Amino acid sequence: MAPRIPASRTEVGQAMDQERVPQELARLWRITPDAKRGRPARLDVGTVVDAAVALADREGIAAVTLPRVAEALDVTKMSLYRHVGSKDELLDLMRDAAQGPVPASLAGTGPWRERLRLWAVEQLAVLDAHPWLTEVQPSGPPNGPNGIDWFDAGLRTMRPTRLDWGAKVGAIMIVSGYVLSAAQLAQSLARGREGTGLDQAAAEREYGHAMARLVDPERFPDAAALFSGGLLEDTGEDTGEQDFAFGLDLLLDGVAVAVAAAEAP
């Protein structure tokens, strides 16, 4: 089930209800109109979103249609429109719900590089838990409670630096984009291995053997040197983790340059 928004946020949202906000944002933040007397409604936004997230986790995002969600809840498709305005809005609601609030490991502050690395690793864990998130394109900047929670945590990692707000946002967006790209690549490689019985390390070894036979050193001298050098022979079972860590450190090195420049006299 998708993580529920904490009650404190709901209370804040109800306070915000005194002001006019677009319906889409009201539903995203679970701002509900004053309850009417009578039997409690069978459906609410959270129930619909929970069912949609569970369906995506089981069968992938392509399976999430309003008729399928209605079927899972044993209601009519039309009844969903009282709680979700459209399929696109449902995807926005699902994305924010599946992200969940940031884990306790990201509370507090510390050395910016250590905290930003952990922020990236925790994001990757969310994408691993809900692979369909990599296929849901954002419709804009974060605007839901969980999305803002992650955004706030990212900014907090940069608090010890002297970077201005624009540079802080740029740094965390670049890192977040790298995490998304790495998750998409890992999923694509996994789909390519389906039916082969190979893990990523074994697939890389087979690839290296084939390329070593096929690549002409006169035509492709550097590629041939790579494939004949044995780099892909023993990459280890955690090759994906190593590749992710290597790329992340390269990005953090670049952020470090910007941090150092901001601190220079």
C-alpha atoms as a PDB file:
ATOM      1  CA  MET A   1       0.000   0.000   0.000  1.00  0.00           C
ATOM      2  CA  ALA A   2       1.201   3.551  -0.697  1.00  0.00           C
ATOM      3  CA  PRO A   3       2.381   5.478   2.368  1.00  0.00           C
ATOM      4  CA  ARG A   4      -0.345   7.671   3.806  1.00  0.00           C
ATOM      5  CA  ILE A   5       0.316  11.356   4.335  1.00  0.00           C
ATOM      6  CA  PRO A   6       0.933  11.954   8.062  1.00  0.00           C
ATOM      7  CA  ALA A   7      -1.976  13.392   9.994  1.00  0.00           C
ATOM      8  CA  SER A   8      -0.030  16.546  10.788  1.00  0.00           C
ATOM      9  CA  ARG A   9       0.173  17.316   7.090  1.00  0.00           C
ATOM     10  CA  THR A  10      -3.529  16.714   6.677  1.00  0.00           C
ATOM     11  CA  GLU A  11      -4.198  19.159   9.509  1.00  0.00           C
ATOM     12  CA  VAL A  12      -1.990  21.737   7.873  1.00  0.00           C
ATOM     13  CA  GLY A  13      -3.792  21.091   4.610  1.00  0.00           C
ATOM     14  CA  GLN A  14      -7.173  21.668   6.232  1.00  0.00           C
ATOM     15  CA  ALA A  15      -5.919  24.976   7.570  1.00  0.00           C
ATOM     16  CA  MET A  16      -4.826  25.870   4.066  1.00  0.00           C
ATOM     17  CA  ASP A  17      -8.348  25.109   2.896  1.00  0.00           C
ATOM     18  CA  GLN A  18      -9.318  28.560   4.128  1.00  0.00           C
ATOM     19  CA  GLU A  19      -7.563  29.854   1.037  1.00  0.00           C
ATOM     20  CA  ARG A  20      -8.517  29.011  -2.526  1.00  0.00           C
ATOM     21  CA  VAL A  21      -6.248  26.433  -4.139  1.00  0.00           C
ATOM     22  CA  PRO A  22      -6.679  24.542  -7.420  1.00  0.00           C
ATOM     23  CA  GLN A  23      -8.579  21.279  -7.056  1.00  0.00           C
ATOM     24  CA  GLU A  24      -5.584  19.272  -8.270  1.00  0.00           C
ATOM     25  CA  LEU A  25      -3.379  20.678  -5.504  1.00  0.00           C
ATOM     26  CA  ALA A  26      -6.128  20.295  -2.933  1.00  0.00           C
ATOM     27  CA  ARG A  27      -6.383  16.593  -3.733  1.00  0.00           C
ATOM     28  CA  LEU A  28      -2.598  16.214  -3.803  1.00  0.00           C
ATOM     29  CA  TRP A  29      -2.337  17.700  -0.313  1.00  0.00           C
ATOM     30  CA  ARG A  30      -5.500  15.881   0.851  1.00  0.00           C
ATOM     31  CA  ILE A  31      -7.331  19.117   1.581  1.00  0.00           C
ATOM     32  CA  THR A  32     -10.920  18.001   1.940  1.00  0.00           C
ATOM     33  CA  PRO A  33     -14.056  20.161   2.098  1.00  0.00           C
ATOM     34  CA  ASP A  34     -16.021  20.204   5.293  1.00  0.00           C
ATOM     35  CA  ALA A  35     -17.557  16.782   5.788  1.00  0.00           C
ATOM     36  CA  LYS A  36     -21.306  16.617   5.235  1.00  0.00           C
ATOM     37  CA  ARG A  37     -23.605  14.830   7.604  1.00  0.00           C
ATOM     38  CA  GLY A  38     -24.628  11.321   6.724  1.00  0.00           C
ATOM     39  CA  ARG A  39     -22.939   8.062   5.890  1.00  0.00           C
ATOM     40  CA  PRO A  40     -19.168   8.388   5.365  1.00  0.00           C
ATOM     41  CA  ALA A  41     -18.111   8.196   1.731  1.00  0.00           C
ATOM     42  CA  ARG A  42     -16.842   4.811   0.620  1.00  0.00           C
ATOM     43  CA  LEU A  43     -14.126   6.342  -1.524  1.00  0.00           C
ATOM     44  CA  ASP A  44     -11.616   9.111  -0.992  1.00  0.00           C
ATOM     45  CA  VAL A  45      -8.502  10.246  -2.829  1.00  0.00           C
ATOM     46  CA  GLY A  46      -6.190   8.128  -0.700  1.00  0.00           C
ATOM     47  CA  THR A  47      -8.164   4.941  -1.306  1.00  0.00           C
ATOM     48  CA  VAL A  48      -8.141   5.478  -5.071  1.00  0.00           C
ATOM     49  CA  VAL A  49      -4.426   6.272  -5.129  1.00  0.00           C
ATOM     50  CA  ASP A  50      -3.564   3.294  -2.922  1.00  0.00           C
ATOM     51  CA  ALA A  51      -5.370   0.968  -5.329  1.00  0.00           C
ATOM     52  CA  ALA A  52      -3.635   2.500  -8.348  1.00  0.00           C
ATOM     53  CA  VAL A  53      -0.178   2.248  -6.760  1.00  0.00           C
ATOM     54  CA  ALA A  54      -0.798  -1.377  -5.766  1.00  0.00           C
ATOM     55  CA  LEU A  55      -1.862  -2.155  -9.339  1.00  0.00           C
ATOM     56  CA  ALA A  56       1.258  -0.470 -10.769  1.00  0.00           C
ATOM     57  CA  ASP A  57       3.489  -2.367  -8.323  1.00  0.00           C
ATOM     58  CA  ARG A  58       1.949  -5.675  -9.419  1.00  0.00           C
ATOM     59  CA  GLU A  59       1.572  -5.196 -13.154  1.00  0.00           C
ATOM     60  CA  GLY A  60       3.423  -2.041 -14.199  1.00  0.00           C
ATOM     61  CA  ILE A  61       2.229   1.438 -15.010  1.00  0.00           C
ATOM     62  CA  ALA A  62       0.689   0.393 -18.339  1.00  0.00           C
ATOM     63  CA  ALA A  63      -1.900  -1.597 -16.392  1.00  0.00           C
ATOM     64  CA  VAL A  64      -3.106   1.491 -14.545  1.00  0.00           C
ATOM     65  CA  THR A  65      -6.255   2.698 -16.272  1.00  0.00           C
ATOM     66  CA  LEU A  66      -9.297   4.213 -14.662  1.00  0.00           C
ATOM     67  CA  PRO A  67     -11.423   1.142 -15.532  1.00  0.00           C
ATOM     68  CA  ARG A  68      -8.833  -1.187 -13.948  1.00  0.00           C
ATOM     69  CA  VAL A  69      -8.618   0.939 -10.801  1.00  0.00           C
ATOM     70  CA  ALA A  70     -12.405   1.057 -10.595  1.00  0.00           C
ATOM     71  CA  GLU A  71     -12.516  -2.723 -10.989  1.00  0.00           C
ATOM     72  CA  ALA A  72      -9.991  -3.174  -8.173  1.00  0.00           C
ATOM     73  CA  LEU A  73     -12.180  -1.034  -5.912  1.00  0.00           C
ATOM     74  CA  ASP A  74     -15.440  -2.623  -7.138  1.00  0.00           C
ATOM     75  CA  VAL A  75     -16.871   0.741  -8.141  1.00  0.00           C
ATOM     76  CA  THR A  76     -17.822   2.376 -11.418  1.00  0.00           C
ATOM     77  CA  LYS A  77     -15.317   4.330 -13.452  1.00  0.00           C
ATOM     78  CA  MET A  78     -17.468   7.453 -13.212  1.00  0.00           C
ATOM     79  CA  SER A  79     -17.352   7.346  -9.428  1.00  0.00           C
ATOM     80  CA  LEU A  80     -13.582   7.852  -9.566  1.00  0.00           C
ATOM     81  CA  TYR A  81     -13.971  11.274 -11.151  1.00  0.00           C
ATOM     82  CA  ARG A  82     -15.317  12.651  -7.888  1.00  0.00           C
ATOM     83  CA  HIS A  83     -11.864  12.026  -6.402  1.00  0.00           C
ATOM     84  CA  VAL A  84      -9.455  12.080  -9.366  1.00  0.00           C
ATOM     85  CA  GLY A  85      -9.959  14.550 -12.163  1.00  0.00           C
ATOM     86  CA  SER A  86      -8.137  12.683 -14.929  1.00  0.00           C
ATOM     87  CA  LYS A  87      -5.611   9.942 -15.696  1.00  0.00           C
ATOM     88  CA  ASP A  88      -2.811  12.529 -15.725  1.00  0.00           C
ATOM     89  CA  GLU A  89      -3.837  13.773 -12.299  1.00  0.00           C
ATOM     90  CA  LEU A  90      -3.950  10.190 -11.035  1.00  0.00           C
ATOM     91  CA  LEU A  91      -0.344   9.718 -12.189  1.00  0.00           C
ATOM     92  CA  ASP A  92       0.714  12.846 -10.296  1.00  0.00           C
ATOM     93  CA  LEU A  93      -1.041  11.573  -7.187  1.00  0.00           C
ATOM     94  CA  MET A  94       0.536   8.138  -7.577  1.00  0.00           C
ATOM     95  CA  ARG A  95       4.029   9.570  -8.006  1.00  0.00           C
ATOM     96  CA  ASP A  96       3.803  11.626  -4.850  1.00  0.00           C
ATOM     97  CA  ALA A  97       2.267   8.782  -2.833  1.00  0.00           C
ATOM     98  CA  ALA A  98       4.812   6.186  -3.981  1.00  0.00           C
ATOM     99  CA  GLN A  99       7.712   8.482  -3.172  1.00  0.00           C
ATOM    100  CA  GLY A 100       6.553   8.514   0.411  1.00  0.00           C
ATOM    101  CA  PRO A 101       8.016  10.795   3.066  1.00  0.00           C
ATOM    102  CA  VAL A 102      11.791  10.884   3.332  1.00  0.00           C
ATOM    103  CA  PRO A 103      13.289   8.148   5.531  1.00  0.00           C
ATOM    104  CA  ALA A 104      14.587   8.910   9.002  1.00  0.00           C
ATOM    105  CA  SER A 105      18.153   8.500   7.730  1.00  0.00           C
ATOM    106  CA  LEU A 106      17.845  11.883   5.998  1.00  0.00           C
ATOM    107  CA  ALA A 107      16.857  13.785   9.130  1.00  0.00           C
ATOM    108  CA  GLY A 108      19.308  16.351  10.453  1.00  0.00           C
ATOM    109  CA  THR A 109      22.390  17.762   8.822  1.00  0.00           C
ATOM    110  CA  GLY A 110      26.044  16.831   8.351  1.00  0.00           C
ATOM    111  CA  PRO A 111      28.861  17.044   5.812  1.00  0.00           C
ATOM    112  CA  TRP A 112      27.172  18.016   2.559  1.00  0.00           C
ATOM    113  CA  ARG A 113      28.833  15.341   0.397  1.00  0.00           C
ATOM    114  CA  GLU A 114      27.947  12.503   2.748  1.00  0.00           C
ATOM    115  CA  ARG A 115      24.366  13.712   3.094  1.00  0.00           C
ATOM    116  CA  LEU A 116      23.848  14.343  -0.622  1.00  0.00           C
ATOM    117  CA  ARG A 117      25.201  10.875  -1.444  1.00  0.00           C
ATOM    118  CA  LEU A 118      22.770   9.317   1.048  1.00  0.00           C
ATOM    119  CA  TRP A 119      19.921  11.374  -0.425  1.00  0.00           C
ATOM    120  CA  ALA A 120      20.727   9.908  -3.835  1.00  0.00           C
ATOM    121  CA  VAL A 121      20.973   6.344  -2.520  1.00  0.00           C
ATOM    122  CA  GLU A 122      17.633   6.635  -0.731  1.00  0.00           C
ATOM    123  CA  GLN A 123      16.008   7.933  -3.912  1.00  0.00           C
ATOM    124  CA  LEU A 124      17.357   4.936  -5.798  1.00  0.00           C
ATOM    125  CA  ALA A 125      15.827   2.639  -3.176  1.00  0.00           C
ATOM    126  CA  VAL A 126      12.402   4.194  -3.829  1.00  0.00           C
ATOM    127  CA  LEU A 127      12.785   3.623  -7.581  1.00  0.00           C
ATOM    128  CA  ASP A 128      13.815   0.029  -6.930  1.00  0.00           C
ATOM    129  CA  ALA A 129      10.703  -0.485  -4.784  1.00  0.00           C
ATOM    130  CA  HIS A 130       8.424   1.095  -7.415  1.00  0.00           C
ATOM    131  CA  PRO A 131      10.114   0.576 -10.815  1.00  0.00           C
ATOM    132  CA  TRP A 132       7.177   2.131 -12.684  1.00  0.00           C
ATOM    133  CA  LEU A 133       8.118   5.535 -11.255  1.00  0.00           C
ATOM    134  CA  THR A 134      10.884   5.778 -13.861  1.00  0.00           C
ATOM    135  CA  GLU A 135       8.204   5.729 -16.582  1.00  0.00           C
ATOM    136  CA  VAL A 136       6.033   8.481 -15.120  1.00  0.00           C
ATOM    137  CA  GLN A 137       7.273  11.789 -16.457  1.00  0.00           C
ATOM    138  CA  PRO A 138       6.931  14.720 -14.036  1.00  0.00           C
ATOM    139  CA  SER A 139       4.424  17.344 -15.119  1.00  0.00           C
ATOM    140  CA  GLY A 140       6.369  20.107 -13.382  1.00  0.00           C
ATOM    141  CA  PRO A 141       8.472  20.853 -10.300  1.00  0.00           C
ATOM    142  CA  PRO A 142       7.632  19.027  -7.053  1.00  0.00           C
ATOM    143  CA  ASN A 143       4.315  20.263  -5.693  1.00  0.00           C
ATOM    144  CA  GLY A 144       2.985  17.463  -3.497  1.00  0.00           C
ATOM    145  CA  PRO A 145       3.738  16.905   0.199  1.00  0.00           C
ATOM    146  CA  ASN A 146       6.100  13.983  -0.353  1.00  0.00           C
ATOM    147  CA  GLY A 147       7.781  15.577  -3.355  1.00  0.00           C
ATOM    148  CA  ILE A 148       8.374  18.748  -1.331  1.00  0.00           C
ATOM    149  CA  ASP A 149       9.633  16.599   1.553  1.00  0.00           C
ATOM    150  CA  TRP A 150      12.322  15.088  -0.697  1.00  0.00           C
ATOM    151  CA  PHE A 151      13.091  18.502  -2.213  1.00  0.00           C
ATOM    152  CA  ASP A 152      13.464  20.006   1.255  1.00  0.00           C
ATOM    153  CA  ALA A 153      15.741  17.141   2.325  1.00  0.00           C
ATOM    154  CA  GLY A 154      17.887  17.704  -0.761  1.00  0.00           C
ATOM    155  CA  LEU A 155      18.224  21.398  -0.008  1.00  0.00           C
ATOM    156  CA  ARG A 156      19.084  20.539   3.600  1.00  0.00           C
ATOM    157  CA  THR A 157      22.066  18.478   2.432  1.00  0.00           C
ATOM    158  CA  MET A 158      23.498  21.666   0.916  1.00  0.00           C
ATOM    159  CA  ARG A 159      22.812  23.853   3.957  1.00  0.00           C
ATOM    160  CA  PRO A 160      26.428  23.761   5.220  1.00  0.00           C
ATOM    161  CA  THR A 161      27.674  25.219   1.919  1.00  0.00           C
ATOM    162  CA  ARG A 162      27.751  28.823   0.756  1.00  0.00           C
ATOM    163  CA  LEU A 163      26.086  28.058  -2.542  1.00  0.00           C
ATOM    164  CA  ASP A 164      23.224  30.375  -3.434  1.00  0.00           C
ATOM    165  CA  TRP A 165      19.716  28.991  -3.822  1.00  0.00           C
ATOM    166  CA  GLY A 166      20.008  28.615  -7.567  1.00  0.00           C
ATOM    167  CA  ALA A 167      23.199  26.586  -7.264  1.00  0.00           C
ATOM    168  CA  LYS A 168      21.728  24.412  -4.510  1.00  0.00           C
ATOM    169  CA  VAL A 169      18.664  23.624  -6.599  1.00  0.00           C
ATOM    170  CA  GLY A 170      20.861  22.964  -9.634  1.00  0.00           C
ATOM    171  CA  ALA A 171      23.074  20.569  -7.683  1.00  0.00           C
ATOM    172  CA  ILE A 172      20.273  18.449  -6.265  1.00  0.00           C
ATOM    173  CA  MET A 173      18.387  18.378  -9.569  1.00  0.00           C
ATOM    174  CA  ILE A 174      21.479  17.116 -11.406  1.00  0.00           C
ATOM    175  CA  VAL A 175      21.999  14.407  -8.795  1.00  0.00           C
ATOM    176  CA  SER A 176      18.304  13.450  -8.867  1.00  0.00           C
ATOM    177  CA  GLY A 177      18.435  13.250 -12.663  1.00  0.00           C
ATOM    178  CA  TYR A 178      21.439  10.939 -12.455  1.00  0.00           C
ATOM    179  CA  VAL A 179      19.592   8.653 -10.028  1.00  0.00           C
ATOM    180  CA  LEU A 180      16.626   8.449 -12.385  1.00  0.00           C
ATOM    181  CA  SER A 181      18.872   7.732 -15.380  1.00  0.00           C
ATOM    182  CA  ALA A 182      20.754   5.018 -13.491  1.00  0.00           C
ATOM    183  CA  ALA A 183      17.501   3.341 -12.443  1.00  0.00           C
ATOM    184  CA  GLN A 184      16.154   3.458 -15.998  1.00  0.00           C
ATOM    185  CA  LEU A 185      19.359   1.908 -17.339  1.00  0.00           C
ATOM    186  CA  ALA A 186      19.338  -0.857 -14.724  1.00  0.00           C
ATOM    187  CA  GLN A 187      15.721  -1.699 -15.559  1.00  0.00           C
ATOM    188  CA  SER A 188      16.453  -1.692 -19.284  1.00  0.00           C
ATOM    189  CA  LEU A 189      19.416  -4.031 -18.832  1.00  0.00           C
ATOM    190  CA  ALA A 190      17.314  -6.320 -16.653  1.00  0.00           C
ATOM    191  CA  ARG A 191      14.635  -6.523 -19.349  1.00  0.00           C
ATOM    192  CA  GLY A 192      17.344  -7.344 -21.890  1.00  0.00           C
ATOM    193  CA  ARG A 193      18.469 -10.293 -19.748  1.00  0.00           C
ATOM    194  CA  GLU A 194      14.979 -11.740 -19.339  1.00  0.00           C
ATOM    195  CA  GLY A 195      14.918 -15.391 -20.337  1.00  0.00           C
ATOM    196  CA  THR A 196      18.716 -15.703 -20.426  1.00  0.00           C
ATOM    197  CA  GLY A 197      19.217 -16.785 -16.828  1.00  0.00           C
ATOM    198  CA  LEU A 198      22.161 -14.369 -16.602  1.00  0.00           C
ATOM    199  CA  ASP A 199      22.808 -11.732 -13.987  1.00  0.00           C
ATOM    200  CA  GLN A 200      24.413  -8.443 -15.022  1.00  0.00           C
ATOM    201  CA  ALA A 201      27.980  -9.599 -14.312  1.00  0.00           C
ATOM    202  CA  ALA A 202      27.542 -12.752 -16.433  1.00  0.00           C
ATOM    203  CA  ALA A 203      25.909 -10.733 -19.217  1.00  0.00           C
ATOM    204  CA  GLU A 204      28.873  -8.364 -19.231  1.00  0.00           C
ATOM    205  CA  ARG A 205      31.306 -11.284 -19.460  1.00  0.00           C
ATOM    206  CA  GLU A 206      29.457 -12.749 -22.441  1.00  0.00           C
ATOM    207  CA  TYR A 207      29.382  -9.338 -24.074  1.00  0.00           C
ATOM    208  CA  GLY A 208      33.120  -8.895 -23.524  1.00  0.00           C
ATOM    209  CA  HIS A 209      33.920 -12.314 -25.026  1.00  0.00           C
ATOM    210  CA  ALA A 210      31.799 -11.623 -28.109  1.00  0.00           C
ATOM    211  CA  MET A 211      33.261  -8.170 -28.690  1.00  0.00           C
ATOM    212  CA  ALA A 212      36.823  -9.438 -28.216  1.00  0.00           C
ATOM    213  CA  ARG A 213      36.230 -11.796 -31.137  1.00  0.00           C
ATOM    214  CA  LEU A 214      34.444  -9.296 -33.353  1.00  0.00           C
ATOM    215  CA  VAL A 215      36.165  -5.951 -32.826  1.00  0.00           C
ATOM    216  CA  ASP A 216      39.018  -5.359 -35.274  1.00  0.00           C
ATOM    217  CA  PRO A 217      41.956  -3.661 -33.490  1.00  0.00           C
ATOM    218  CA  GLU A 218      42.993  -1.903 -36.687  1.00  0.00           C
ATOM    219  CA  ARG A 219      39.581  -0.321 -37.133  1.00  0.00           C
ATOM    220  CA  PHE A 220      38.686   0.155 -33.446  1.00  0.00           C
ATOM    221  CA  PRO A 221      42.048   0.213 -31.622  1.00  0.00           C
ATOM    222  CA  ASP A 222      40.901   1.580 -28.272  1.00  0.00           C
ATOM    223  CA  ALA A 223      37.724  -0.471 -28.077  1.00  0.00           C
ATOM    224  CA  ALA A 224      39.720  -3.591 -28.985  1.00  0.00           C
ATOM    225  CA  ALA A 225      42.215  -2.822 -26.227  1.00  0.00           C
ATOM    226  CA  LEU A 226      39.359  -2.514 -23.752  1.00  0.00           C
ATOM    227  CA  PHE A 227      37.769  -5.827 -24.688  1.00  0.00           C
ATOM    228  CA  SER A 228      41.071  -7.690 -24.727  1.00  0.00           C
ATOM    229  CA  GLY A 229      42.141  -6.246 -21.384  1.00  0.00           C
ATOM    230  CA  GLY A 230      39.875  -8.425 -19.261  1.00  0.00           C
ATOM    231  CA  LEU A 231      37.955  -5.549 -17.668  1.00  0.00           C
ATOM    232  CA  LEU A 232      34.639  -7.362 -18.131  1.00  0.00           C
ATOM    233  CA  GLU A 233      35.927 -10.756 -16.984  1.00  0.00           C
ATOM    234  CA  ASP A 234      35.375 -10.290 -13.267  1.00  0.00           C
ATOM    235  CA  THR A 235      33.135  -7.348 -12.597  1.00  0.00           C
ATOM    236  CA  GLY A 236      31.611  -8.969  -9.512  1.00  0.00           C
ATOM    237  CA  GLU A 237      27.974  -9.484  -8.581  1.00  0.00           C
ATOM    238  CA  ASP A 238      27.511  -5.872  -7.472  1.00  0.00           C
ATOM    239  CA  THR A 239      28.609  -4.385 -10.790  1.00  0.00           C
ATOM    240  CA  GLY A 240      25.507  -2.187 -10.924  1.00  0.00           C
ATOM    241  CA  GLU A 241      26.172  -0.770  -7.467  1.00  0.00           C
ATOM    242  CA  GLN A 242      29.789  -0.076  -8.365  1.00  0.00           C
ATOM    243  CA  ASP A 243      28.818   1.701 -11.565  1.00  0.00           C
ATOM    244  CA  PHE A 244      26.230   3.784  -9.720  1.00  0.00           C
ATOM    245  CA  ALA A 245      28.703   4.772  -7.004  1.00  0.00           C
ATOM    246  CA  PHE A 246      31.376   5.673  -9.556  1.00  0.00           C
ATOM    247  CA  GLY A 247      29.070   7.944 -11.527  1.00  0.00           C
ATOM    248  CA  LEU A 248      27.661   9.533  -8.383  1.00  0.00           C
ATOM    249  CA  ASP A 249      31.154  10.338  -7.106  1.00  0.00           C
ATOM    250  CA  LEU A 250      31.992  12.007 -10.428  1.00  0.00           C
ATOM    251  CA  LEU A 251      28.931  14.235 -10.029  1.00  0.00           C
ATOM    252  CA  LEU A 252      29.760  15.008  -6.415  1.00  0.00           C
ATOM    253  CA  ASP A 253      33.291  15.958  -7.460  1.00  0.00           C
ATOM    254  CA  GLY A 254      31.739  18.550  -9.758  1.00  0.00           C
ATOM    255  CA  VAL A 255      29.495  19.866  -6.963  1.00  0.00           C
ATOM    256  CA  ALA A 256      32.579  20.045  -4.727  1.00  0.00           C
ATOM    257  CA  VAL A 257      34.233  22.377  -7.223  1.00  0.00           C
ATOM    258  CA  ALA A 258      31.220  24.702  -7.078  1.00  0.00           C
ATOM    259  CA  VAL A 259      31.147  24.534  -3.267  1.00  0.00           C
ATOM    260  CA  ALA A 260      34.838  25.379  -3.064  1.00  0.00           C
ATOM    261  CA  ALA A 261      34.415  28.306  -5.464  1.00  0.00           C
ATOM    262  CA  ALA A 262      31.567  29.687  -3.364  1.00  0.00           C
ATOM    263  CA  GLU A 263      33.734  29.516  -0.242  1.00  0.00           C
ATOM    264  CA  ALA A 264      36.775  31.115  -1.850  1.00  0.00           C
ATOM    265  CA  PRO A 265      37.610  34.580  -0.495  1.00  0.00           C
END
